Amino acid sequence: MTDRADVARARTKSEIARAQMMGTFDALRIRMRPINLASDAAESARRTAIRKPVMVAGVIGAAAALFFARPAYGALRRRRSKRVATAAGAKRSER
């Protein structure tokens, strides 16, 4: 049979485990705040830029290419659609 001392020890152990778990939960909650996540990401990007500047330049270059390619692609599409429309109009007028 279990006596009162065993119950008290089990209760104490569970309270200690609960306190440790809550401490871990609080630490995770603080780390997962958006401002802390953004700060960690910025620090990581800074360290990467210092260690691997060529890689960072490549990523920035690719992002810039995508950013500037979109308007250029749109202009080419508009130009092509005008040519196709003009060619289609010319074919209709031949009939």
Protein backbone atom coordinates (compact mmCIF):
# COMPACT_ATOMS: atom_id res chain seq x y z
CA MET A 1 0.00 0.00 0.00
CA THR A 2 1.07 3.55 -0.55
CA ASP A 3 1.45 5.75 2.41
CA ARG A 4 1.13 9.49 2.71
CA ALA A 5 4.86 10.04 2.20
CA ASP A 6 4.74 8.39 -1.23
CA VAL A 7 1.78 10.53 -2.24
CA ALA A 8 3.53 13.67 -1.03
CA ARG A 9 6.73 12.76 -2.94
CA ALA A 10 4.74 12.11 -6.13
CA ARG A 11 2.87 15.39 -5.71
CA THR A 12 6.16 17.28 -5.18
CA LYS A 13 7.72 15.65 -8.25
CA SER A 14 4.70 16.58 -10.38
CA GLU A 15 4.80 20.19 -9.15
CA ILE A 16 8.51 20.43 -9.99
CA ALA A 17 7.87 18.97 -13.47
CA ARG A 18 4.98 21.40 -14.00
CA ALA A 19 7.17 24.36 -12.98
CA GLN A 20 9.93 23.26 -15.38
CA MET A 21 7.42 22.84 -18.19
CA MET A 22 5.92 26.28 -17.57
CA GLY A 23 9.42 27.79 -17.56
CA THR A 24 10.11 26.16 -20.92
CA PHE A 25 6.76 27.36 -22.24
CA ASP A 26 7.47 30.94 -21.16
CA ALA A 27 10.92 30.84 -22.79
CA LEU A 28 9.38 29.58 -26.04
CA ARG A 29 6.67 32.21 -25.92
CA ILE A 30 9.27 34.96 -25.58
CA ARG A 31 11.40 33.54 -28.40
CA MET A 32 8.40 33.23 -30.73
CA ARG A 33 7.31 36.85 -30.48
CA PRO A 34 7.31 38.43 -33.96
CA ILE A 35 9.77 41.16 -32.98
CA ASN A 36 12.22 38.56 -31.66
CA LEU A 37 11.84 36.40 -34.76
CA ALA A 38 12.47 39.41 -37.00
CA SER A 39 15.49 40.40 -34.96
CA ASP A 40 16.91 36.86 -35.18
CA ALA A 41 16.33 36.77 -38.95
CA ALA A 42 18.03 40.14 -39.42
CA GLU A 43 21.02 39.05 -37.34
CA SER A 44 21.29 35.82 -39.29
CA ALA A 45 21.16 37.72 -42.59
CA ARG A 46 23.89 40.09 -41.34
CA ARG A 47 26.15 37.18 -40.40
CA THR A 48 25.53 35.47 -43.74
CA ALA A 49 26.27 38.68 -45.64
CA ILE A 50 29.60 38.99 -43.86
CA ARG A 51 30.58 35.34 -44.38
CA LYS A 52 29.22 34.84 -47.92
CA PRO A 53 28.97 38.18 -49.75
CA VAL A 54 28.92 36.57 -53.21
CA MET A 55 25.89 34.46 -52.32
CA VAL A 56 24.05 37.48 -50.94
CA ALA A 57 24.86 39.47 -54.09
CA GLY A 58 23.48 36.62 -56.19
CA VAL A 59 20.24 36.48 -54.23
CA ILE A 60 19.80 40.25 -54.43
CA GLY A 61 20.59 40.16 -58.16
CA ALA A 62 18.04 37.41 -58.77
CA ALA A 63 15.38 39.31 -56.81
CA ALA A 64 16.13 42.49 -58.76
CA ALA A 65 15.96 40.58 -62.05
CA LEU A 66 12.55 39.20 -61.13
CA PHE A 67 11.37 42.62 -59.99
CA PHE A 68 12.45 44.36 -63.21
CA ALA A 69 11.60 41.48 -65.55
CA ARG A 70 7.91 41.65 -64.81
CA PRO A 71 7.31 45.10 -66.35
CA ALA A 72 9.58 44.21 -69.29
CA TYR A 73 7.69 40.97 -69.86
CA GLY A 74 4.38 42.84 -69.74
CA ALA A 75 5.63 45.34 -72.32
CA LEU A 76 6.73 42.51 -74.62
CA ARG A 77 3.35 40.80 -74.26
CA ARG A 78 1.51 44.01 -75.10
CA ARG A 79 3.75 44.58 -78.10
CA ARG A 80 3.22 41.01 -79.30
CA SER A 81 -0.55 41.20 -78.85
CA LYS A 82 -0.63 44.40 -80.93
CA ARG A 83 1.35 42.65 -83.68
CA VAL A 84 -0.96 39.64 -83.59
CA ALA A 85 -4.03 41.91 -83.66
CA THR A 86 -2.57 43.88 -86.60
CA ALA A 87 -1.76 40.67 -88.47
CA ALA A 88 -5.26 39.30 -87.82
CA GLY A 89 -6.78 42.57 -89.08
CA ALA A 90 -4.65 42.43 -92.21
CA LYS A 91 -5.81 38.84 -92.93
CA ARG A 92 -9.44 39.88 -92.53
CA SER A 93 -9.01 42.78 -94.94
CA GLU A 94 -7.50 40.42 -97.57
CA ARG A 95 -10.66 38.30 -97.61
